[in-house]
Amino acid sequence: MIIDMHAHIGDFRLSPDEPREPLTWENLIARLDEEGIDMAALLPVYNASPEGAPAGVCLLDERMSVREQVVDAARYAGRIIPFGNMDPRWLHNSPDSDFGPLLDWFLAHGCKGIGEVTARLPFDDPRVISMFRQIG
């Protein structure tokens, strides 16, 4: 079995005028088929600034990409391995933030891990350490 361990879904164009197309589920599955890849690990992309987002918005607001991607991944359970995505600055931007409810949600929706963490914070930042301790 061949597994692509780093897949994304979304519109990565800088402008709607760019000639490339957004990467849809259908495009991803077709590409996996073309390349002879059995499954792919979905690493949801999250691009909003967490400092301005209220606690829990990443999962509770249906417009947020992490929630949509994880929920939609269930339609492709035989091909897509869903992962969650978190930012250490979520939930009050504190090393005391409790990520338990988010982790529980990801588990309940079939996520096998957390990634890709792109917070641009040092690994020894207390918020990062706290988040990774809670992830396990």
Protein backbone atom coordinates (compact mmCIF):
# COMPACT_ATOMS: atom_id res chain seq x y z
CA MET A 1 0.00 0.00 0.00
CA ILE A 2 1.28 3.45 -0.92
CA ILE A 3 0.26 6.41 1.26
CA ASP A 4 0.93 10.05 0.46
CA MET A 5 1.68 11.53 3.88
CA HIS A 6 1.20 15.20 2.96
CA ALA A 7 -1.93 16.25 1.06
CA HIS A 8 -3.94 19.47 1.06
CA ILE A 9 -7.28 20.63 -0.32
CA GLY A 10 -8.05 24.22 -1.19
CA ASP A 11 -7.54 27.22 -3.38
CA PHE A 12 -3.88 28.16 -3.22
CA ARG A 13 -3.98 30.79 -5.93
CA LEU A 14 -2.81 34.26 -5.00
CA SER A 15 -5.40 35.73 -7.37
CA PRO A 16 -8.50 34.37 -9.13
CA ASP A 17 -6.74 35.26 -12.39
CA GLU A 18 -4.03 32.63 -11.86
CA PRO A 19 -4.31 29.85 -14.43
CA ARG A 20 -4.12 26.94 -11.99
CA GLU A 21 -7.28 25.48 -10.48
CA PRO A 22 -8.17 25.04 -6.82
CA LEU A 23 -7.38 21.56 -5.52
CA THR A 24 -10.72 19.83 -4.97
CA TRP A 25 -11.43 16.43 -3.46
CA GLU A 26 -12.18 15.12 -6.92
CA ASN A 27 -8.87 16.46 -8.28
CA LEU A 28 -6.96 14.94 -5.37
CA ILE A 29 -8.56 11.51 -5.77
CA ALA A 30 -7.95 11.60 -9.52
CA ARG A 31 -4.29 12.47 -8.94
CA LEU A 32 -3.92 9.66 -6.42
CA ASP A 33 -5.37 7.27 -8.99
CA GLU A 34 -3.05 8.56 -11.73
CA GLU A 35 0.00 8.08 -9.52
CA GLY A 36 -1.06 4.69 -8.16
CA ILE A 37 -1.36 6.00 -4.60
CA ASP A 38 -3.82 4.16 -2.37
CA MET A 39 -4.44 6.74 0.35
CA ALA A 40 -3.43 10.25 1.39
CA ALA A 41 -3.06 11.92 4.77
CA LEU A 42 -5.03 15.17 4.70
CA LEU A 43 -3.28 17.98 6.56
CA PRO A 44 -5.90 20.74 6.76
CA VAL A 45 -4.79 24.24 5.93
CA TYR A 46 -5.72 27.08 8.26
CA ASN A 47 -4.80 30.60 7.20
CA ALA A 48 -6.70 32.95 9.51
CA SER A 49 -4.90 34.93 12.20
CA PRO A 50 -5.61 33.14 15.48
CA GLU A 51 -5.07 36.25 17.58
CA GLY A 52 -8.26 37.77 16.21
CA ALA A 53 -10.38 34.62 16.31
CA PRO A 54 -12.63 33.83 19.28
CA ALA A 55 -12.04 30.60 21.18
CA GLY A 56 -13.22 27.53 19.31
CA VAL A 57 -13.95 29.33 16.05
CA CYS A 58 -11.77 26.85 14.15
CA LEU A 59 -14.32 24.10 14.76
CA LEU A 60 -17.59 25.81 15.59
CA ASP A 61 -17.81 28.13 12.60
CA GLU A 62 -18.74 26.07 9.56
CA ARG A 63 -16.94 28.53 7.29
CA MET A 64 -13.54 27.71 8.75
CA SER A 65 -11.45 25.48 6.56
CA VAL A 66 -10.18 23.02 9.18
CA ARG A 67 -13.69 21.97 10.16
CA GLU A 68 -14.89 21.76 6.58
CA GLN A 69 -11.91 19.72 5.48
CA VAL A 70 -12.15 17.23 8.35
CA VAL A 71 -15.91 16.81 7.96
CA ASP A 72 -15.66 16.46 4.17
CA ALA A 73 -12.83 13.91 4.46
CA ALA A 74 -15.33 11.38 5.83
CA ARG A 75 -16.82 11.10 2.33
CA TYR A 76 -13.52 9.57 1.21
CA ALA A 77 -12.86 7.32 4.20
CA GLY A 78 -11.23 4.62 2.08
CA ARG A 79 -8.79 7.04 0.49
CA ILE A 80 -8.25 9.96 2.86
CA ILE A 81 -6.69 9.76 6.33
CA PRO A 82 -7.82 12.93 8.13
CA PHE A 83 -5.57 14.88 10.46
CA GLY A 84 -6.53 17.84 12.60
CA ASN A 85 -4.76 21.17 12.69
CA MET A 86 -4.22 23.45 15.66
CA ASP A 87 -2.39 26.64 16.42
CA PRO A 88 -0.82 27.16 19.88
CA ARG A 89 -2.27 30.68 19.94
CA TRP A 90 -5.86 29.44 19.75
CA LEU A 91 -8.01 29.44 22.85
CA HIS A 92 -6.78 32.63 24.50
CA ASN A 93 -3.16 32.61 23.25
CA SER A 94 -1.91 31.22 26.55
CA PRO A 95 0.27 28.30 27.69
CA ASP A 96 -2.66 27.46 29.99
CA SER A 97 -5.09 26.93 27.10
CA ASP A 98 -7.00 23.65 27.27
CA PHE A 99 -6.96 21.99 23.86
CA GLY A 100 -8.89 18.98 25.16
CA PRO A 101 -12.22 19.92 23.55
CA LEU A 102 -10.55 20.45 20.16
CA LEU A 103 -8.63 17.19 20.42
CA ASP A 104 -11.84 15.38 21.41
CA TRP A 105 -13.60 16.84 18.36
CA PHE A 106 -10.81 15.73 16.04
CA LEU A 107 -10.87 12.22 17.51
CA ALA A 108 -14.66 12.04 17.21
CA HIS A 109 -14.31 12.92 13.52
CA GLY A 110 -11.75 10.24 12.77
CA CYS A 111 -8.55 12.26 12.79
CA LYS A 112 -5.42 10.16 13.22
CA GLY A 113 -3.11 12.97 14.32
CA ILE A 114 -2.40 16.69 14.24
CA GLY A 115 -0.45 18.38 11.48
CA GLU A 116 0.83 20.44 9.80
CA VAL A 117 1.57 22.97 12.54
CA THR A 118 2.56 26.22 10.83
CA ALA A 119 2.30 28.75 13.66
CA ARG A 120 5.74 30.32 13.08
CA LEU A 121 6.55 30.11 16.76
CA PRO A 122 9.74 28.64 18.25
CA PHE A 123 9.36 25.02 19.34
CA ASP A 124 10.37 26.01 22.87
CA ASP A 125 7.62 28.64 23.14
CA PRO A 126 5.53 27.74 26.23
CA ARG A 127 2.33 27.75 24.13
CA VAL A 128 3.82 25.29 21.65
CA ILE A 129 5.14 23.03 24.41
CA SER A 130 1.74 23.05 26.12
CA MET A 131 -0.12 22.22 22.91
CA PHE A 132 2.21 19.34 22.02
CA ARG A 133 2.02 17.94 25.56
CA GLN A 134 -1.75 17.86 25.26
CA ILE A 135 -1.58 16.26 21.82
CA GLY A 136 0.58 13.54 23.36
